[in-house]
Amino acid sequence: YLALVDPETFSPLDAVNGSALVAVAARVGDVRLIDNLLLPTPTKDRREP
């Protein structure tokens, strides 16, 4: 599965308006792989390359 959730409540998100957590689980043979990635809140200090 792949889910986009609120990092504090783990409630599903329809859109990213602040911080978000991407949660992933997948099977590879007999092994279940689980990982997550925190997407931080964008700041005004970030500049386009």
Protein backbone atom coordinates (compact mmCIF):
# COMPACT_ATOMS: atom_id res chain seq x y z
CA TYR A 1 0.00 0.00 0.00
CA LEU A 2 0.89 3.65 -0.33
CA ALA A 3 -0.69 6.25 1.96
CA LEU A 4 -0.36 9.99 2.44
CA VAL A 5 -1.18 10.79 6.09
CA ASP A 6 -0.93 13.48 8.73
CA PRO A 7 2.35 12.81 10.62
CA GLU A 8 0.76 13.40 14.05
CA THR A 9 -2.64 11.71 13.72
CA PHE A 10 -2.00 9.27 10.84
CA SER A 11 -5.32 10.40 9.34
CA PRO A 12 -5.42 10.13 5.52
CA LEU A 13 -4.77 13.36 3.59
CA ASP A 14 -6.35 14.35 0.28
CA ALA A 15 -3.85 17.18 -0.28
CA VAL A 16 -0.62 18.43 1.28
CA ASN A 17 -1.16 21.76 3.03
CA GLY A 18 1.63 21.33 5.59
CA SER A 19 3.76 18.44 6.77
CA ALA A 20 2.79 15.00 5.50
CA LEU A 21 4.00 11.44 5.90
CA VAL A 22 4.23 9.02 2.99
CA ALA A 23 3.84 5.44 4.26
CA VAL A 24 4.66 2.47 2.01
CA ALA A 25 4.42 -1.29 2.49
CA ALA A 26 5.19 -3.89 -0.18
CA ARG A 27 5.91 -7.61 -0.43
CA VAL A 28 9.00 -8.91 -2.18
CA GLY A 29 8.72 -12.68 -2.14
CA ASP A 30 8.21 -13.70 1.51
CA VAL A 31 9.56 -10.39 2.82
CA ARG A 32 7.33 -7.44 3.72
CA LEU A 33 9.11 -4.09 3.35
CA ILE A 34 7.78 -1.08 5.27
CA ASP A 35 9.11 2.48 5.02
CA ASN A 36 7.99 6.06 5.49
CA LEU A 37 9.14 9.50 4.42
CA LEU A 38 8.36 12.76 6.18
CA LEU A 39 7.56 15.61 3.79
CA PRO A 40 8.36 18.81 5.73
CA THR A 41 6.28 21.96 5.60
CA PRO A 42 7.60 24.22 2.83
CA THR A 43 9.12 27.47 4.07
CA LYS A 44 9.40 30.85 2.43
CA ASP A 45 13.18 30.66 2.92
CA ARG A 46 13.51 27.93 0.30
CA ARG A 47 14.54 29.25 -3.06
CA GLU A 48 14.02 27.72 -6.47
CA PRO A 49 17.28 26.43 -8.02
